[in-house]
Protein backbone atom coordinates (compact mmCIF):
# COMPACT_ATOMS: atom_id res chain seq x y z
CA MET A 1 49.20 71.15 65.76
CA THR A 2 49.75 68.24 68.14
CA PRO A 3 50.64 65.06 66.24
CA GLN A 4 48.31 62.10 66.60
CA SER A 5 49.34 59.11 68.62
CA PRO A 6 50.04 55.97 66.57
CA HIS A 7 46.85 54.42 67.94
CA ALA A 8 44.71 57.44 67.00
CA GLU A 9 46.27 57.57 63.53
CA PHE A 10 45.52 53.89 62.93
CA THR A 11 41.97 54.34 64.21
CA GLU A 12 41.40 57.19 61.77
CA ALA A 13 42.75 55.08 58.90
CA ALA A 14 40.57 52.14 59.99
CA ARG A 15 37.50 54.36 59.92
CA LYS A 16 38.33 55.42 56.37
CA CYS A 17 38.42 51.75 55.37
CA SER A 18 34.95 51.26 56.84
CA GLU A 19 33.64 54.26 54.94
CA VAL A 20 34.96 52.77 51.69
CA ILE A 21 33.07 49.53 52.36
CA LEU A 22 29.88 51.44 53.14
CA ARG A 23 30.06 53.38 49.88
CA ARG A 24 30.96 50.26 47.86
CA TYR A 25 28.21 47.98 49.12
CA SER A 26 25.30 50.34 49.73
CA THR A 27 23.85 53.22 47.80
CA SER A 28 20.64 54.01 49.67
CA PHE A 29 22.08 53.65 53.17
CA ALA A 30 25.27 55.47 52.20
CA LEU A 31 23.22 58.39 50.88
CA ALA A 32 21.20 58.58 54.10
CA CYS A 33 24.41 58.46 56.17
CA ARG A 34 25.56 61.70 54.58
CA LEU A 35 22.93 63.44 56.70
CA LEU A 36 24.37 62.10 59.96
CA ALA A 37 26.21 64.47 62.27
CA PRO A 38 29.94 64.42 61.40
CA ASP A 39 30.81 62.88 64.76
CA THR A 40 28.28 60.08 64.28
CA ARG A 41 29.04 59.17 60.67
CA PRO A 42 32.30 57.23 61.17
CA HIS A 43 30.77 55.10 63.91
CA VAL A 44 27.76 54.09 61.81
CA ALA A 45 30.13 53.31 58.93
CA ALA A 46 32.20 51.15 61.30
CA ILE A 47 29.12 49.17 62.34
CA TYR A 48 27.97 48.75 58.74
CA ALA A 49 31.39 47.59 57.50
CA TRP A 50 31.83 45.11 60.36
CA ALA A 51 28.42 43.56 59.65
CA ARG A 52 29.03 43.64 55.90
CA VAL A 53 32.24 41.63 56.26
CA GLY A 54 30.42 38.94 58.24
CA ASP A 55 27.66 38.81 55.66
CA GLU A 56 30.21 38.61 52.85
CA VAL A 57 31.77 35.53 54.44
CA VAL A 58 28.52 33.54 54.38
CA ASP A 59 26.95 34.98 51.21
CA GLY A 60 29.87 35.99 49.01
CA ALA A 61 33.53 35.09 48.97
CA MET A 62 33.16 31.78 50.85
CA ILE A 63 29.85 30.62 49.40
CA ASP A 64 31.40 27.41 48.02
CA ASP A 65 33.28 26.58 51.23
CA PRO A 66 30.80 26.40 54.14
CA ALA A 67 33.31 24.72 56.45
CA GLY A 68 35.82 27.48 55.78
CA ALA A 69 33.11 30.11 56.24
CA ARG A 70 32.18 28.59 59.60
CA GLU A 71 35.79 28.82 60.75
CA LEU A 72 36.05 32.44 59.64
CA ILE A 73 32.83 33.43 61.41
CA ALA A 74 33.99 31.75 64.63
CA GLU A 75 37.32 33.52 64.38
CA ALA A 76 35.63 36.86 63.61
CA ARG A 77 33.51 36.48 66.75
CA ARG A 78 36.56 35.76 68.91
CA ARG A 79 38.55 38.51 67.25
CA THR A 80 35.82 41.11 67.75
CA HIS A 81 35.53 40.40 71.48
CA ARG A 82 39.32 40.37 71.83
CA ALA A 83 39.65 43.69 70.00
CA ILE A 84 37.09 45.30 72.30
CA GLU A 85 39.01 44.06 75.33
CA ARG A 86 42.41 45.19 74.00
CA GLY A 87 41.35 48.31 72.13
CA LEU A 88 43.32 47.24 69.06
CA ASP A 89 43.15 44.82 66.15
CA PRO A 90 45.40 44.71 63.10
CA ASP A 91 42.37 44.29 60.82
CA PRO A 92 41.08 47.82 60.12
CA VAL A 93 37.38 46.92 59.97
CA THR A 94 37.49 44.99 63.24
CA HIS A 95 39.53 47.74 64.86
CA ALA A 96 37.15 50.51 63.79
CA PHE A 97 34.16 48.55 65.07
CA ALA A 98 35.89 47.73 68.36
CA ASP A 99 36.70 51.41 68.86
CA THR A 100 33.04 52.29 68.34
CA ALA A 101 31.90 49.44 70.59
CA ARG A 102 34.19 50.56 73.41
CA ARG A 103 32.99 54.16 73.15
CA PHE A 104 29.28 53.39 73.14
CA GLY A 105 28.87 50.25 75.21
CA ILE A 106 28.20 47.77 72.41
CA ASP A 107 28.80 44.41 74.03
CA ALA A 108 28.12 40.67 73.74
CA ARG A 109 24.37 41.17 74.13
CA LEU A 110 24.32 42.77 70.69
CA ILE A 111 27.39 41.20 69.09
CA ASP A 112 26.79 37.49 69.67
CA PRO A 113 23.27 37.36 68.17
CA PHE A 114 24.74 38.80 64.97
CA TYR A 115 27.26 36.00 64.67
CA ASP A 116 24.58 33.45 65.60
CA SER A 117 22.58 34.64 62.58
CA MET A 118 25.61 34.45 60.31
CA GLU A 119 26.14 30.85 61.43
CA ALA A 120 22.44 30.14 60.81
CA ASP A 121 22.94 31.08 57.17
CA LEU A 122 25.36 28.16 56.94
CA ASP A 123 22.91 25.70 58.49
CA VAL A 124 19.33 26.74 57.85
CA THR A 125 17.81 26.70 54.37
CA GLU A 126 14.10 26.69 55.32
CA HIS A 127 13.10 28.94 58.19
CA THR A 128 10.22 28.50 60.61
CA GLU A 129 8.53 31.55 62.09
CA GLU A 130 10.57 31.12 65.28
CA SER A 131 13.94 30.58 63.58
CA LEU A 132 13.25 33.59 61.35
CA ARG A 133 12.44 35.73 64.38
CA ARG A 134 15.82 34.82 65.90
CA TYR A 135 17.56 35.37 62.58
CA ILE A 136 16.09 38.85 62.07
CA HIS A 137 16.97 39.81 65.63
CA GLY A 138 20.61 38.87 65.12
CA SER A 139 21.07 40.03 61.56
CA ALA A 140 19.14 43.31 61.74
CA GLU A 141 17.53 44.36 65.01
CA VAL A 142 20.80 44.39 66.94
CA ILE A 143 22.41 46.46 64.16
CA GLY A 144 19.66 49.04 64.62
CA GLU A 145 20.37 49.14 68.33
CA MET A 146 24.10 49.47 67.74
CA CYS A 147 23.60 52.46 65.47
CA LEU A 148 21.18 54.04 67.92
CA ARG A 149 23.83 53.94 70.62
CA THR A 150 26.08 56.17 68.53
CA PHE A 151 23.50 58.89 67.82
CA ALA A 152 23.77 62.31 69.43
CA GLY A 153 26.95 61.39 71.27
CA GLY A 154 25.44 58.31 72.94
CA GLY A 155 22.86 57.64 75.62
CA LEU A 156 19.83 56.88 73.44
CA GLY A 157 20.35 53.13 73.67
CA ASP A 158 18.96 53.11 77.21
CA ASP A 159 15.63 54.63 76.09
CA ASP A 160 13.33 51.62 75.72
CA GLU A 161 10.89 53.22 73.26
CA THR A 162 13.63 54.51 70.99
CA ALA A 163 15.45 51.19 71.15
CA ALA A 164 12.25 49.39 70.16
CA GLY A 165 11.96 51.73 67.19
CA ALA A 166 15.57 51.02 66.20
CA ARG A 167 14.92 47.28 66.30
CA ALA A 168 11.76 47.70 64.23
CA LEU A 169 13.61 49.73 61.61
CA GLY A 170 16.34 47.10 61.37
CA ALA A 171 13.70 44.40 60.99
CA ALA A 172 11.93 46.38 58.26
CA PHE A 173 15.17 46.81 56.32
CA GLN A 174 15.87 43.08 56.52
CA LYS A 175 12.36 42.07 55.46
CA VAL A 176 12.51 44.43 52.49
CA ASN A 177 15.79 42.78 51.52
CA PHE A 178 14.20 39.33 51.76
CA LEU A 179 11.53 40.37 49.28
CA ARG A 180 13.87 42.30 47.01
CA ASP A 181 16.46 39.50 46.93
CA VAL A 182 14.04 36.57 46.76
CA ARG A 183 15.45 35.35 43.46
CA GLU A 184 19.09 35.34 44.63
CA ASP A 185 18.23 33.81 48.00
CA SER A 186 16.10 31.06 46.49
CA PHE A 187 17.82 30.20 43.21
CA ASP A 188 21.44 31.04 43.99
CA LEU A 189 21.75 30.39 47.75
CA GLY A 190 19.00 27.81 48.21
CA ARG A 191 17.46 29.63 51.18
CA ASN A 192 13.89 30.51 52.03
CA TYR A 193 13.37 33.43 54.42
CA LEU A 194 9.59 33.40 53.84
CA PRO A 195 8.08 30.70 56.11
CA GLY A 196 5.01 29.00 54.71
CA ARG A 197 5.50 30.47 51.25
CA ASP A 198 7.16 29.23 48.09
CA PRO A 199 9.69 31.95 47.16
CA ARG A 200 9.64 30.75 43.56
CA ALA A 201 5.88 31.06 43.24
CA LEU A 202 4.87 34.15 45.19
CA THR A 203 1.36 35.42 44.56
CA ASP A 204 0.16 39.00 44.62
CA ARG A 205 -1.42 38.24 48.00
CA ASP A 206 1.91 36.91 49.32
CA VAL A 207 3.74 40.06 48.29
CA ARG A 208 1.02 42.36 49.68
CA GLU A 209 1.06 40.57 53.04
CA LEU A 210 4.84 40.70 53.25
CA ALA A 211 4.88 44.38 52.30
CA ASP A 212 2.16 45.12 54.86
CA ASP A 213 4.31 43.45 57.54
CA VAL A 214 7.17 45.76 56.59
CA ASP A 215 4.82 48.75 56.81
CA ALA A 216 3.88 47.73 60.35
CA ASP A 217 7.55 47.75 61.38
CA LEU A 218 8.10 51.07 59.63
CA ARG A 219 5.24 52.63 61.60
CA VAL A 220 6.79 51.53 64.89
CA ALA A 221 10.14 52.90 63.77
CA ARG A 222 8.68 56.20 62.55
CA ALA A 223 7.06 56.86 65.91
CA ALA A 224 10.49 56.65 67.56
CA ILE A 225 12.48 58.67 65.03
CA ASP A 226 11.34 62.03 66.42
CA ARG A 227 13.00 61.09 69.72
CA ILE A 228 16.41 61.27 68.03
CA PRO A 229 17.89 64.78 68.21
CA GLY A 230 19.71 66.83 65.61
CA ARG A 231 21.01 65.76 62.24
CA ASP A 232 21.03 62.09 63.19
CA ARG A 233 17.23 62.16 63.21
CA LEU A 234 17.18 63.45 59.62
CA ALA A 235 19.50 60.66 58.48
CA VAL A 236 17.38 57.97 60.09
CA LEU A 237 14.26 59.53 58.59
CA ALA A 238 15.89 59.45 55.16
CA ALA A 239 16.80 55.77 55.52
CA HIS A 240 13.27 54.98 56.72
CA ASP A 241 11.72 56.76 53.74
CA LEU A 242 14.08 55.19 51.20
CA PHE A 243 13.15 51.69 52.34
CA ALA A 244 9.46 52.63 52.53
CA GLU A 245 9.69 53.74 48.91
CA LEU A 246 11.35 50.46 47.94
CA ASN A 247 8.67 48.53 49.81
CA ASP A 248 5.97 50.39 47.86
CA ARG A 249 7.67 49.43 44.60
CA LEU A 250 7.96 45.79 45.64
CA ARG A 251 4.26 45.76 46.50
CA ALA A 252 3.46 47.18 43.06
CA ALA A 253 5.73 44.64 41.35
CA GLY A 254 3.95 41.88 43.27
CA ALA A 255 0.87 42.45 41.13
CA ALA A 256 2.68 40.25 38.62
CA GLY A 257 3.36 37.58 41.28
CA ALA A 258 6.72 35.80 41.46
CA ALA A 259 7.63 36.94 37.97
CA GLY A 260 7.24 40.58 38.96
CA VAL A 261 9.33 40.43 42.12
CA SER A 262 11.98 37.96 40.99
CA ALA A 263 12.39 38.85 37.32
CA GLY A 264 14.98 41.43 38.29
CA ARG A 265 15.95 43.35 41.41
CA VAL A 266 13.40 46.08 42.09
CA ARG A 267 15.16 49.37 42.69
CA VAL A 268 14.43 52.96 43.57
CA PRO A 269 15.74 55.16 40.72
CA ASN A 270 18.50 57.57 41.69
CA PRO A 271 16.43 60.73 41.03
CA VAL A 272 13.76 59.41 43.42
CA LYS A 273 16.40 58.57 46.01
CA LEU A 274 17.74 62.10 45.83
CA ALA A 275 14.23 63.53 46.17
CA VAL A 276 13.59 61.40 49.26
CA ILE A 277 16.92 62.44 50.78
CA GLY A 278 16.19 66.08 50.02
CA ARG A 279 12.81 65.97 51.72
CA ALA A 280 14.26 64.29 54.79
CA ALA A 281 17.09 66.82 54.95
CA ALA A 282 14.51 69.59 54.92
CA GLY A 283 12.57 67.88 57.69
CA ARG A 284 9.70 67.01 55.36
CA GLY A 285 9.97 63.22 55.40
CA SER A 286 7.21 60.66 55.85
CA SER A 287 4.36 61.45 58.19
CA GLY A 288 4.51 58.17 60.05
CA HIS A 289 1.88 56.06 58.24
CA GLY A 290 4.42 53.43 57.24
CA ARG A 291 4.96 54.43 53.63
CA ALA A 292 7.11 57.23 52.30
CA ARG A 293 5.27 60.06 50.63
CA SER A 294 7.95 60.40 47.99
CA GLY A 295 6.12 59.35 44.87
CA ARG A 296 4.51 56.29 43.39
CA ALA A 297 6.05 53.11 42.11
CA VAL A 298 6.46 52.80 38.34
CA ALA A 299 3.98 49.92 38.13
CA ARG A 300 1.16 51.96 39.69
């Protein structure tokens, strides 16, 4: 067996670090990623971990030091571009992402909007419709496009319809997170990602309208999923259906207004997650109407 080059060995170790971060910070997405083709999985993990680190800077470890967080985000942006140019970075997460970016043509068009959104989290506490649109594009839609570029060995990123579906799926995931995390965002971080609404006094109508908006994005995404070949399609279908299930449960919890959504984080129970994953793996996922057909929320 031919020994690996030092660069290849470090890249493999860097990918393992990214996989650890994926498993540590996500349950639903990590479960769906198990269905990805083996050659795709490390690249999606690299993208997730890279984005997770940026998010952790502004929402986690540096929450009490916004000036320090701003410096770290600026340095992460520079470091990411430099790593892509050089093909190496001593930080494993940055290195794994740069390796993926170099392989699949992920460039400044997708990278810079992400960091713009991370910086927005340090500046913007009350979003307008326009600022939220920019924020979702940078924090979620570009991540969907990045992942799409790694599917089936590459090439799908140039398909406009599939790319639109990837952006819609990223947007849906982010909007579900806004609704699920409304208590933490509002009370702990002092941010409002729901323009024109009071996150501390959501009504049933508010929650239904927000959930319906997610469903609209999920329908756009579902129409594009069948264009993805092989196992990667099944993984994306599983992720779509898991978030559709969560959206259904948030809608049901909204019947109690703000108290229902913000009293505690609404979750999909593990047995339901496994059932959704199993159906997607068997090619029997959602039919494309926006909501998963995996069962009903507890409150219904």
